[in-house]
């Protein structure tokens, strides 16, 4: 969900498929918090990945808009590269994604803002996901991201 591409989905063009990730206990740790009132979540993901932040940015730029089909549902993923978060890290990236599924009254819009930092061989990604056309307050995402990056730097 955090990339707009469910596992085993078909992506067109295929070069826009997100890099494979090992979700095992040695390579990924994740925590998710949900605000039921706003239907928003913040996910923090710590990973060890072969893909660099620069590679993720290049793919986001090349794949600003692509199609996804999963379990018979078609959606369009639109990605914008935003100014990088101002934090002390080896590399940083900020992305805003919108996933639109269906059309007309049946349309579902999912929005995600992701802040990414690379510290050594650890990647920190914090994502706020919300549903509907409104843009949520991103202050809690910023606070969560900064806290996660600082904890990784201290360890």
Foldseek 3Di string as FASTA:
>chain_A
DQQLADPPKCKVVNLLPDDDFDCDPVFKDKDKDADVVQQKMKMKMKGQDPDDPVNVVVSCVVPQWIWIADPRWIKIKGKDWDPADPDDAPDKTKMKIWIWTDDDPPIKIKIKIWIWGHHPRMIIIMMMIGIDDDDDDCVVSVVVRRVVVVVVVVD
